[in-house]
Amino acid sequence: MFRFGLILLVALCATIGAGCGGDDDEDPRPTRTERSEDNETPTPQADEEETPVEGETPSEGEELSYDDLISLTITDLDEFWTNMVPEIYSIDYEPLAAIGPYFVSTGDVPQCGDAAADPSELVGNAFYCPLGDFIAWDEETLFPQLFGDYGDFAVALVLAHEWGHAIQTRGEVSGPTILKELQADCFAGSWTAFVDSGESNNLILTPGDLDEAIAGYLQFRDSPGTSVDDPSAHGSGFDRVNAFEEGYNSGAVRCADYVNEPPVVIPLEFSSQEEFDSGGDLPYEDIAPLITTDLEAYWGLLMPELFATDWIPLTAIGPYFVSEPDTLPVCDEREPDPEEYAGNAFYCPADDFIAWDEEVLMPELYSNFGDFAVALVIAHEWGHAVQARAGITGPSTLDLEQQADCFAGAWVAYVILENSENLTLSPGDLDEAIAGFVVFRDAPGTPEDDPDAHGSAFQRIGAFQDGVINGAEACLKYAS
């Protein structure tokens, strides 16, 4: 793991909307949506507690057909921006010149500008061309695979992102590539909130759609270590999801102001070839000792400041092995249930300990996602220990779980800002955390008042990012 701090993107234009210099011929290159090639992305799966359960693309009811999805999404985005562009830029909305698919295998591909299109760059791609004012996508690979792997909303989200670039052209937005990409994500989030609010005449969101969006952003993130100054940078999964959630929560007006008040970006780059070759991951056996030591130190500092009380070290912290019954810890004098303990991690308030499945859960998290996915599970459970010491009881299970996610994020910020003596953050760590939330989320449609509710991936990631960006004090609003 290695370290960098939080930064704000530097705005290259003092105002947005007029006189900002965004001529069509300023940057003729199309803005692209391309898959990350560094590793696999988790398909959303349901869970309870910290235990994944089986399930592929989540939804309730029937999804739209592929053709209806494309048609209705295009109609809806056009209607949304017809009303929104005058509000954010004080100009009338101009419809796009063209929107449609292309087919690389037949040579039926669009040309953006004078240069001939390179078919190899168009496979698995979607883009907005500012010169021709059109959106195009690979109809043979990209959209069909997204639709099959992640569901209808993942496809709609790509269209919404590329439409965001068309809005930038209309607003004459100028700035570095990553700023434009994150703003397009933010614009996509604002449209998503419009649909989710029930105001759309064409579409509704079904349970699981927002989690499809999260999985999609992991699919289209930059490879770990990509510089924010890279001319093709789109942002890490963490940065892209953060921009999307900001648009969802704060609306298109906030997105339009990215040029004046840029979003938070966390620039993590590898410091050496050795770091790159290892992926920045700690050896598995070092993770728990370092994480637990660091969490003890963090909450030892923060507990008096946040709750005016000293931190009391946990009674016990450690693993168990489901195949070895003698290692299963007893919580509140109840006989351990191997089935309940399998693939799980938990905090026991009665006996003040944290325990986790060392046989399946943690090794598989490490193997599939990396060291920080393991760290996140421990940090989340530590959040429950904090709640026990502070006397925080609710009002609901969901509130407590989201606050624990936020507390985990606040500790991550402590590490990012180089205050930890034990740990630093490596490229990809935050995306490992995001991937963990995609796996460990409630099944779509779980009621918020369910006694076992932890939240959707969208909700859990939002709480985690709140802690990372705004610190532990911001977590107090979730529960008391």
Protein backbone atom coordinates (compact mmCIF):
# COMPACT_ATOMS: atom_id res chain seq x y z
CA MET A 1 0.00 0.00 0.00
CA PHE A 2 1.31 3.47 -0.71
CA ARG A 3 -0.04 6.89 -0.12
CA PHE A 4 -1.40 10.04 -1.65
CA GLY A 5 -3.74 12.70 -0.31
CA LEU A 6 -7.12 14.09 -1.25
CA ILE A 7 -7.00 16.81 -3.91
CA LEU A 8 -9.44 19.03 -5.68
CA LEU A 9 -9.35 19.22 -9.43
CA VAL A 10 -8.14 22.63 -10.57
CA ALA A 11 -10.83 24.50 -12.48
CA LEU A 12 -9.52 25.81 -15.78
CA CYS A 13 -12.44 28.16 -16.38
CA ALA A 14 -13.74 30.83 -14.06
CA THR A 15 -17.37 30.57 -15.16
CA ILE A 16 -19.52 27.95 -16.79
CA GLY A 17 -22.10 28.65 -19.43
CA ALA A 18 -20.70 31.57 -21.42
CA GLY A 19 -17.31 32.73 -22.58
CA CYS A 20 -15.63 29.54 -21.41
CA GLY A 21 -14.06 28.65 -24.69
CA GLY A 22 -15.50 25.19 -25.50
CA ASP A 23 -15.61 25.43 -29.32
CA ASP A 24 -16.41 22.23 -31.16
CA ASP A 25 -12.99 22.24 -32.78
CA GLU A 26 -11.14 22.81 -29.51
CA ASP A 27 -10.89 19.07 -28.85
CA PRO A 28 -12.19 17.01 -31.76
CA ARG A 29 -11.57 13.67 -30.06
CA PRO A 30 -14.68 11.74 -29.12
CA THR A 31 -15.30 11.12 -25.43
CA ARG A 32 -15.37 7.38 -24.87
CA THR A 33 -16.81 4.79 -22.56
CA GLU A 34 -14.41 1.85 -22.46
CA ARG A 35 -14.14 -1.21 -20.28
CA SER A 36 -11.36 -1.48 -17.71
CA GLU A 37 -9.00 -4.32 -18.61
CA ASP A 38 -7.12 -4.74 -15.35
CA ASN A 39 -9.36 -7.30 -13.63
CA GLU A 40 -12.82 -8.73 -13.36
CA THR A 41 -15.70 -6.73 -11.98
CA PRO A 42 -18.18 -8.32 -9.59
CA THR A 43 -21.69 -8.85 -10.89
CA PRO A 44 -24.12 -7.62 -8.23
CA GLN A 45 -25.08 -10.31 -5.76
CA ALA A 46 -27.32 -10.18 -2.71
CA ASP A 47 -26.27 -10.71 0.89
CA GLU A 48 -27.21 -10.56 4.49
CA GLU A 49 -24.79 -9.53 7.26
CA GLU A 50 -21.37 -10.08 5.65
CA THR A 51 -22.47 -13.22 3.83
CA PRO A 52 -22.94 -13.24 0.04
CA VAL A 53 -25.92 -15.18 -1.24
CA GLU A 54 -26.55 -16.40 -4.74
CA GLY A 55 -28.12 -14.17 -7.36
CA GLU A 56 -27.12 -12.59 -10.64
CA THR A 57 -28.57 -9.42 -12.10
CA PRO A 58 -30.99 -8.07 -9.48
CA SER A 59 -34.49 -6.87 -10.35
CA GLU A 60 -38.11 -7.19 -9.38
CA GLY A 61 -40.58 -7.68 -12.17
CA GLU A 62 -39.74 -7.89 -15.82
CA GLU A 63 -36.99 -5.76 -17.31
CA LEU A 64 -37.54 -3.82 -20.51
CA SER A 65 -36.71 -5.49 -23.78
CA TYR A 66 -33.41 -4.38 -25.22
CA ASP A 67 -34.99 -2.36 -28.04
CA ASP A 68 -37.55 -0.70 -25.77
CA LEU A 69 -34.81 0.18 -23.31
CA ILE A 70 -32.75 2.02 -25.92
CA SER A 71 -35.75 3.85 -27.37
CA LEU A 72 -37.26 4.92 -24.04
CA THR A 73 -33.91 5.96 -22.56
CA ILE A 74 -33.15 8.20 -25.52
CA THR A 75 -36.62 9.76 -25.32
CA ASP A 76 -36.31 10.30 -21.59
CA LEU A 77 -32.84 11.85 -21.70
CA ASP A 78 -33.98 14.22 -24.42
CA GLU A 79 -37.00 15.29 -22.37
CA PHE A 80 -34.96 15.66 -19.18
CA TRP A 81 -32.31 17.87 -20.74
CA THR A 82 -34.86 19.93 -22.66
CA ASN A 83 -36.11 21.11 -19.28
CA MET A 84 -32.79 21.15 -17.44
CA VAL A 85 -30.37 22.91 -19.84
CA PRO A 86 -32.19 26.28 -19.57
CA GLU A 87 -31.97 25.98 -15.78
CA ILE A 88 -28.26 25.22 -15.55
CA TYR A 89 -26.91 27.22 -18.53
CA SER A 90 -29.67 29.76 -19.30
CA ILE A 91 -29.86 28.63 -22.94
CA ASP A 92 -32.32 26.58 -24.95
CA TYR A 93 -31.59 22.89 -25.36
CA GLU A 94 -30.51 21.76 -28.82
CA PRO A 95 -31.38 18.13 -29.64
CA LEU A 96 -28.50 15.92 -30.74
CA ALA A 97 -27.86 15.60 -34.46
CA ALA A 98 -27.86 11.80 -34.32
CA ILE A 99 -27.95 8.86 -31.91
CA GLY A 100 -27.43 5.27 -32.94
CA PRO A 101 -25.43 2.02 -33.05
CA TYR A 102 -22.54 0.89 -35.24
CA PHE A 103 -21.33 -2.53 -36.41
CA VAL A 104 -17.57 -2.98 -36.64
CA SER A 105 -17.76 -6.38 -38.34
CA THR A 106 -19.56 -4.93 -41.36
CA GLY A 107 -17.57 -1.69 -41.49
CA ASP A 108 -20.67 0.31 -40.63
CA VAL A 109 -18.86 2.70 -38.25
CA PRO A 110 -19.22 6.43 -37.64
CA GLN A 111 -16.51 8.98 -38.39
CA CYS A 112 -15.81 11.79 -35.94
CA GLY A 113 -14.01 14.62 -37.70
CA ASP A 114 -11.72 14.32 -40.72
CA ALA A 115 -9.63 11.39 -39.48
CA ALA A 116 -10.78 7.92 -40.55
CA ALA A 117 -12.22 5.84 -37.72
CA ASP A 118 -9.98 3.12 -36.31
CA PRO A 119 -12.20 0.03 -36.01
CA SER A 120 -10.01 -1.42 -33.25
CA GLU A 121 -10.82 1.59 -31.04
CA LEU A 122 -14.54 1.18 -31.61
CA VAL A 123 -14.91 -2.42 -30.43
CA GLY A 124 -16.58 -2.50 -27.00
CA ASN A 125 -16.94 1.26 -26.99
CA ALA A 126 -19.49 4.06 -26.87
CA PHE A 127 -18.77 7.73 -27.43
CA TYR A 128 -20.02 11.24 -28.03
CA CYS A 129 -18.55 13.08 -31.02
CA PRO A 130 -18.56 16.85 -30.45
CA LEU A 131 -17.81 17.64 -34.09
CA GLY A 132 -20.79 15.72 -35.41
CA ASP A 133 -22.86 16.14 -32.23
CA PHE A 134 -23.82 12.47 -32.13
CA ILE A 135 -23.72 9.51 -29.74
CA ALA A 136 -22.79 6.07 -31.06
CA TRP A 137 -22.19 2.65 -29.54
CA ASP A 138 -20.93 -0.80 -30.40
CA GLU A 139 -24.10 -2.79 -31.02
CA GLU A 140 -22.29 -6.10 -31.46
CA THR A 141 -20.27 -6.26 -28.24
CA LEU A 142 -20.68 -3.48 -25.70
CA PHE A 143 -24.41 -2.95 -25.21
CA PRO A 144 -25.53 -6.57 -25.63
CA GLN A 145 -22.92 -7.73 -23.11
CA LEU A 146 -23.82 -5.01 -20.62
CA PHE A 147 -27.49 -5.84 -20.97
CA GLY A 148 -26.82 -9.54 -20.45
CA ASP A 149 -24.28 -9.23 -17.65
CA TYR A 150 -25.59 -6.31 -15.59
CA GLY A 151 -29.14 -5.54 -16.70
CA ASP A 152 -31.04 -2.80 -18.46
CA PHE A 153 -29.96 0.12 -16.31
CA ALA A 154 -26.26 -0.45 -17.00
CA VAL A 155 -26.97 0.23 -20.68
CA ALA A 156 -29.09 3.27 -19.88
CA LEU A 157 -26.30 4.64 -17.74
CA VAL A 158 -23.77 4.56 -20.58
CA LEU A 159 -26.18 6.56 -22.73
CA ALA A 160 -26.74 9.00 -19.85
CA HIS A 161 -22.99 9.48 -19.42
CA GLU A 162 -22.39 10.17 -23.10
CA TRP A 163 -25.37 12.51 -23.12
CA GLY A 164 -23.60 14.38 -20.35
CA HIS A 165 -20.79 15.13 -22.79
CA ALA A 166 -23.34 16.50 -25.25
CA ILE A 167 -24.59 18.80 -22.50
CA GLN A 168 -21.02 19.98 -21.91
CA THR A 169 -20.76 20.96 -25.57
CA ARG A 170 -23.95 22.98 -25.25
CA GLY A 171 -22.67 24.65 -22.09
CA GLU A 172 -19.21 25.27 -23.62
CA VAL A 173 -17.50 23.47 -20.75
CA SER A 174 -13.72 23.54 -20.74
CA GLY A 175 -11.32 21.70 -18.46
CA PRO A 176 -9.12 18.62 -18.02
CA THR A 177 -10.40 15.28 -19.28
CA ILE A 178 -11.07 13.81 -15.87
CA LEU A 179 -13.14 16.83 -14.85
CA LYS A 180 -15.32 16.41 -17.94
CA GLU A 181 -15.68 12.68 -17.36
CA LEU A 182 -16.69 13.07 -13.72
CA GLN A 183 -19.09 15.85 -14.63
CA ALA A 184 -20.70 13.55 -17.20
CA ASP A 185 -21.05 10.93 -14.44
CA CYS A 186 -22.62 13.59 -12.22
CA PHE A 187 -25.05 14.57 -14.98
CA ALA A 188 -25.97 10.89 -15.37
CA GLY A 189 -26.67 10.75 -11.63
CA SER A 190 -28.96 13.79 -11.80
CA TRP A 191 -31.00 12.16 -14.56
CA THR A 192 -31.13 8.91 -12.56
CA ALA A 193 -32.59 10.76 -9.57
CA PHE A 194 -35.22 12.28 -11.89
CA VAL A 195 -36.27 8.79 -13.01
CA ASP A 196 -36.14 7.41 -9.47
CA SER A 197 -38.35 10.24 -8.19
CA GLY A 198 -41.19 9.10 -10.45
CA GLU A 199 -41.14 12.24 -12.59
CA SER A 200 -40.18 10.45 -15.79
CA ASN A 201 -42.91 9.78 -18.33
CA ASN A 202 -41.01 6.86 -19.81
CA LEU A 203 -39.03 4.89 -17.25
CA ILE A 204 -39.09 3.69 -13.66
CA LEU A 205 -36.27 2.25 -11.60
CA THR A 206 -36.75 -1.21 -10.17
CA PRO A 207 -34.98 -2.53 -7.05
CA GLY A 208 -31.38 -3.29 -7.93
CA ASP A 209 -31.06 -0.77 -10.77
CA LEU A 210 -28.84 1.59 -8.78
CA ASP A 211 -26.61 -1.31 -7.84
CA GLU A 212 -26.33 -2.17 -11.53
CA ALA A 213 -25.06 1.37 -11.98
CA ILE A 214 -22.37 0.84 -9.36
CA ALA A 215 -21.22 -2.40 -10.98
CA GLY A 216 -21.13 -0.62 -14.31
CA TYR A 217 -18.80 2.05 -12.99
CA LEU A 218 -16.41 -0.62 -11.76
CA GLN A 219 -16.52 -2.06 -15.28
CA PHE A 220 -15.62 1.31 -16.79
CA ARG A 221 -13.10 2.65 -14.30
CA ASP A 222 -9.49 3.53 -14.99
CA SER A 223 -6.90 0.86 -14.31
CA PRO A 224 -5.33 1.29 -10.85
CA GLY A 225 -2.43 3.74 -10.94
CA THR A 226 -3.75 5.81 -13.87
CA SER A 227 -2.70 9.43 -13.39
CA VAL A 228 -5.44 12.04 -13.09
CA ASP A 229 -3.44 13.99 -15.69
CA ASP A 230 -3.71 11.20 -18.26
CA PRO A 231 -5.49 12.65 -21.31
CA SER A 232 -7.80 9.64 -21.38
CA ALA A 233 -8.46 9.46 -17.60
CA HIS A 234 -12.08 8.86 -16.58
CA GLY A 235 -11.48 8.30 -12.86
CA SER A 236 -11.24 5.38 -10.48
CA GLY A 237 -14.35 3.42 -9.59
CA PHE A 238 -14.49 5.34 -6.30
CA ASP A 239 -14.24 8.74 -8.03
CA ARG A 240 -16.80 7.87 -10.69
CA VAL A 241 -19.34 6.47 -8.25
CA ASN A 242 -18.82 9.50 -6.01
CA ALA A 243 -19.60 11.87 -8.91
CA PHE A 244 -22.65 9.81 -9.88
CA GLU A 245 -23.96 9.82 -6.30
CA GLU A 246 -23.34 13.57 -6.03
CA GLY A 247 -25.45 14.16 -9.13
CA TYR A 248 -28.14 11.85 -7.77
CA ASN A 249 -28.24 13.61 -4.39
CA SER A 250 -27.55 17.23 -5.37
CA GLY A 251 -28.85 17.55 -8.93
CA ALA A 252 -27.64 18.92 -12.26
CA VAL A 253 -27.02 22.42 -10.89
CA ARG A 254 -24.25 21.04 -8.69
CA CYS A 255 -22.82 19.09 -11.62
CA ALA A 256 -22.72 22.21 -13.78
CA ASP A 257 -20.72 23.94 -11.06
CA TYR A 258 -17.90 21.37 -11.24
CA VAL A 259 -15.84 23.88 -13.25
CA ASN A 260 -15.99 26.37 -10.36
CA GLU A 261 -16.05 23.88 -7.47
CA PRO A 262 -14.54 20.60 -8.69
CA PRO A 263 -15.29 17.25 -7.08
CA VAL A 264 -12.91 15.55 -4.71
CA VAL A 265 -10.53 13.19 -6.51
CA ILE A 266 -8.14 10.78 -4.82
CA PRO A 267 -5.06 10.37 -7.05
CA LEU A 268 -3.30 7.12 -6.26
CA GLU A 269 -0.34 6.05 -8.40
CA PHE A 270 2.19 3.24 -8.00
CA SER A 271 5.52 4.39 -6.61
CA SER A 272 7.65 1.62 -8.12
CA GLN A 273 7.62 -1.31 -10.50
CA GLU A 274 7.66 -3.63 -7.51
CA GLU A 275 4.54 -1.92 -6.19
CA PHE A 276 2.89 -2.29 -9.59
CA ASP A 277 3.84 -5.97 -9.91
CA SER A 278 2.31 -6.79 -6.50
CA GLY A 279 -0.81 -4.75 -7.17
CA GLY A 280 -0.06 -2.92 -3.93
CA ASP A 281 -1.52 -5.75 -1.85
CA LEU A 282 -0.12 -6.67 1.54
CA PRO A 283 0.66 -10.33 2.21
CA TYR A 284 -2.55 -11.89 3.49
CA GLU A 285 -1.12 -12.82 6.88
CA ASP A 286 -0.14 -9.18 7.55
CA ILE A 287 -3.55 -7.63 6.89
CA ALA A 288 -5.47 -8.34 10.10
CA PRO A 289 -2.60 -7.47 12.51
CA LEU A 290 -1.89 -4.16 10.77
CA ILE A 291 -5.54 -3.21 10.30
CA THR A 292 -6.55 -3.95 13.88
CA THR A 293 -3.54 -2.08 15.28
CA ASP A 294 -4.36 0.91 13.11
CA LEU A 295 -8.06 0.93 13.99
CA GLU A 296 -7.19 0.83 17.69
CA ALA A 297 -4.90 3.83 17.23
CA TYR A 298 -7.45 5.75 15.14
CA TRP A 299 -10.36 5.33 17.51
CA GLY A 300 -8.07 5.93 20.48
CA LEU A 301 -7.50 9.41 19.06
CA LEU A 302 -11.01 10.07 17.80
CA MET A 303 -13.27 8.68 20.55
CA PRO A 304 -12.55 11.52 23.04
CA GLU A 305 -13.00 14.12 20.32
CA LEU A 306 -16.21 12.69 18.89
CA PHE A 307 -17.93 11.31 22.00
CA ALA A 308 -16.04 12.88 24.94
CA THR A 309 -15.06 9.45 26.27
CA ASP A 310 -11.92 7.35 26.15
CA TRP A 311 -11.58 4.45 23.76
CA ILE A 312 -11.70 1.05 25.47
CA PRO A 313 -9.79 -1.67 23.58
CA LEU A 314 -11.86 -4.61 22.41
CA THR A 315 -11.89 -7.71 24.53
CA ALA A 316 -10.89 -9.92 21.60
CA ILE A 317 -10.29 -9.77 17.84
CA GLY A 318 -9.64 -12.72 15.62
CA PRO A 319 -10.56 -15.42 13.15
CA TYR A 320 -12.40 -18.70 13.39
CA PHE A 321 -12.58 -21.81 11.22
CA VAL A 322 -16.02 -23.25 10.58
CA SER A 323 -14.60 -26.75 10.08
CA GLU A 324 -13.03 -26.56 13.56
CA PRO A 325 -15.96 -26.16 16.04
CA ASP A 326 -13.61 -25.43 18.94
CA THR A 327 -12.56 -22.17 17.26
CA LEU A 328 -16.12 -20.80 16.95
CA PRO A 329 -16.51 -17.94 19.46
CA VAL A 330 -19.48 -17.91 21.85
CA CYS A 331 -21.53 -14.69 21.74
CA ASP A 332 -23.90 -13.93 24.61
CA GLU A 333 -23.76 -17.54 25.85
CA ARG A 334 -25.46 -18.83 22.68
CA GLU A 335 -24.29 -22.06 21.12
CA PRO A 336 -22.37 -21.19 17.93
CA ASP A 337 -24.19 -22.17 14.74
CA PRO A 338 -21.63 -23.21 12.07
CA GLU A 339 -24.07 -22.39 9.26
CA GLU A 340 -24.61 -18.90 10.63
CA TYR A 341 -20.87 -18.35 11.09
CA ALA A 342 -19.89 -19.62 7.64
CA GLY A 343 -18.81 -16.83 5.30
CA ASN A 344 -19.52 -14.22 7.95
CA ALA A 345 -17.95 -11.53 10.11
CA PHE A 346 -19.55 -9.90 13.13
CA TYR A 347 -19.20 -7.80 16.26
CA CYS A 348 -20.57 -9.36 19.45
CA PRO A 349 -21.74 -6.52 21.75
CA ALA A 350 -22.43 -8.81 24.70
CA ASP A 351 -18.82 -10.00 24.87
CA ASP A 352 -17.18 -7.13 22.99
CA PHE A 353 -15.27 -9.01 20.32
CA ILE A 354 -14.95 -9.03 16.53
CA ALA A 355 -14.60 -12.34 14.70
CA TRP A 356 -14.55 -13.50 11.11
CA ASP A 357 -14.53 -16.61 8.96
CA GLU A 358 -10.89 -17.28 8.13
CA GLU A 359 -11.67 -20.38 6.13
CA VAL A 360 -13.83 -18.97 3.33
CA LEU A 361 -14.84 -15.32 3.69
CA MET A 362 -11.56 -13.49 4.13
CA PRO A 363 -9.34 -15.65 1.88
CA GLU A 364 -11.86 -15.41 -0.95
CA LEU A 365 -12.19 -11.64 -0.55
CA TYR A 366 -8.43 -11.34 -0.71
CA SER A 367 -8.16 -13.62 -3.72
CA ASN A 368 -11.02 -12.01 -5.66
CA PHE A 369 -10.61 -8.33 -4.79
CA GLY A 370 -7.45 -7.65 -2.77
CA ASP A 371 -6.29 -6.64 0.69
CA PHE A 372 -8.55 -3.66 1.12
CA ALA A 373 -11.74 -5.67 0.72
CA VAL A 374 -10.58 -7.65 3.77
CA ALA A 375 -9.72 -4.44 5.62
CA LEU A 376 -13.16 -2.98 4.93
CA VAL A 377 -14.97 -5.88 6.61
CA ILE A 378 -12.92 -5.44 9.77
CA ALA A 379 -13.31 -1.64 9.74
CA HIS A 380 -17.08 -1.95 9.35
CA GLU A 381 -17.36 -4.26 12.34
CA TRP A 382 -15.14 -1.90 14.29
CA GLY A 383 -17.77 0.76 13.61
CA HIS A 384 -20.26 -1.35 15.58
CA ALA A 385 -17.82 -1.51 18.49
CA VAL A 386 -17.68 2.29 18.38
CA GLN A 387 -21.47 2.45 18.50
CA ALA A 388 -21.55 0.16 21.53
CA ARG A 389 -19.09 2.40 23.41
CA ALA A 390 -20.95 5.57 22.43
CA GLY A 391 -24.37 4.17 23.36
CA ILE A 392 -25.70 4.53 19.80
CA THR A 393 -28.77 2.33 19.33
CA GLY A 394 -30.55 3.33 16.14
CA PRO A 395 -33.31 4.19 15.32
CA SER A 396 -33.05 1.21 12.94
CA THR A 397 -30.67 -1.55 11.95
CA LEU A 398 -30.20 0.11 8.55
CA ASP A 399 -29.15 3.37 10.21
CA LEU A 400 -26.63 1.54 12.38
CA GLU A 401 -25.19 -0.36 9.41
CA GLN A 402 -24.83 2.76 7.28
CA GLN A 403 -23.15 4.57 10.15
CA ALA A 404 -20.70 1.68 10.53
CA ASP A 405 -19.94 1.99 6.80
CA CYS A 406 -19.40 5.71 7.25
CA PHE A 407 -17.08 5.15 10.23
CA ALA A 408 -15.07 2.73 8.07
CA GLY A 409 -14.78 5.47 5.45
CA ALA A 410 -13.61 8.01 8.04
CA TRP A 411 -10.80 5.65 9.06
CA VAL A 412 -9.87 5.29 5.38
CA ALA A 413 -9.53 9.08 5.13
CA TYR A 414 -7.16 8.95 8.11
CA VAL A 415 -5.01 6.52 6.15
CA ILE A 416 -5.24 8.51 2.91
CA LEU A 417 -4.12 11.69 4.64
CA GLU A 418 -0.99 9.89 5.85
CA ASN A 419 -1.87 10.08 9.55
CA SER A 420 -1.47 6.34 10.01
CA GLU A 421 1.85 5.00 11.26
CA ASN A 422 1.03 1.50 10.05
CA LEU A 423 -0.64 1.75 6.65
CA THR A 424 -0.72 3.61 3.38
CA LEU A 425 -3.19 3.35 0.52
CA SER A 426 -2.35 1.82 -2.86
CA PRO A 427 -4.02 2.32 -6.24
CA GLY A 428 -7.13 0.19 -6.48
CA ASP A 429 -7.73 -0.05 -2.72
CA LEU A 430 -10.81 2.17 -2.79
CA ASP A 431 -12.17 0.29 -5.78
CA GLU A 432 -11.68 -2.94 -3.83
CA ALA A 433 -13.87 -1.42 -1.14
CA ILE A 434 -16.53 -0.47 -3.69
CA ALA A 435 -16.45 -4.01 -5.12
CA GLY A 436 -16.94 -5.37 -1.62
CA PHE A 437 -20.11 -3.34 -1.18
CA VAL A 438 -21.44 -4.65 -4.50
CA VAL A 439 -21.06 -8.17 -3.13
CA PHE A 440 -22.19 -7.45 0.45
CA ARG A 441 -25.47 -5.69 -0.09
CA ASP A 442 -29.09 -6.44 0.65
CA ALA A 443 -31.12 -8.40 -1.85
CA PRO A 444 -33.07 -6.04 -4.15
CA GLY A 445 -36.39 -5.07 -2.63
CA THR A 446 -35.32 -5.64 0.99
CA PRO A 447 -37.47 -3.31 3.13
CA GLU A 448 -35.52 -0.64 4.96
CA ASP A 449 -37.22 -1.67 8.21
CA ASP A 450 -36.06 -5.28 7.84
CA PRO A 451 -34.28 -6.19 11.11
CA ASP A 452 -31.33 -7.51 9.09
CA ALA A 453 -31.16 -4.64 6.58
CA HIS A 454 -27.69 -3.33 5.73
CA GLY A 455 -28.59 -1.28 2.66
CA SER A 456 -28.19 -1.54 -1.09
CA ALA A 457 -24.73 -1.19 -2.59
CA PHE A 458 -25.73 2.34 -3.61
CA GLN A 459 -26.69 3.22 -0.03
CA ARG A 460 -23.70 1.54 1.58
CA ILE A 461 -21.19 3.11 -0.80
CA GLY A 462 -22.78 6.51 -0.29
CA ALA A 463 -22.31 6.23 3.47
CA PHE A 464 -18.75 4.97 3.07
CA GLN A 465 -17.85 7.82 0.71
CA ASP A 466 -19.42 10.30 3.12
CA GLY A 467 -16.95 9.16 5.75
CA VAL A 468 -13.99 9.23 3.36
CA ILE A 469 -14.71 12.74 2.10
CA ASN A 470 -16.29 14.42 5.13
CA GLY A 471 -14.81 12.58 8.11
CA ALA A 472 -16.24 10.84 11.17
CA GLU A 473 -18.31 13.80 12.33
CA ALA A 474 -20.43 13.45 9.19
CA CYS A 475 -21.27 9.90 10.30
CA LEU A 476 -23.15 11.05 13.40
CA LYS A 477 -26.24 11.94 11.39
CA TYR A 478 -26.91 8.32 10.46
CA ALA A 479 -27.77 7.09 13.94
CA SER A 480 -27.78 8.24 17.56
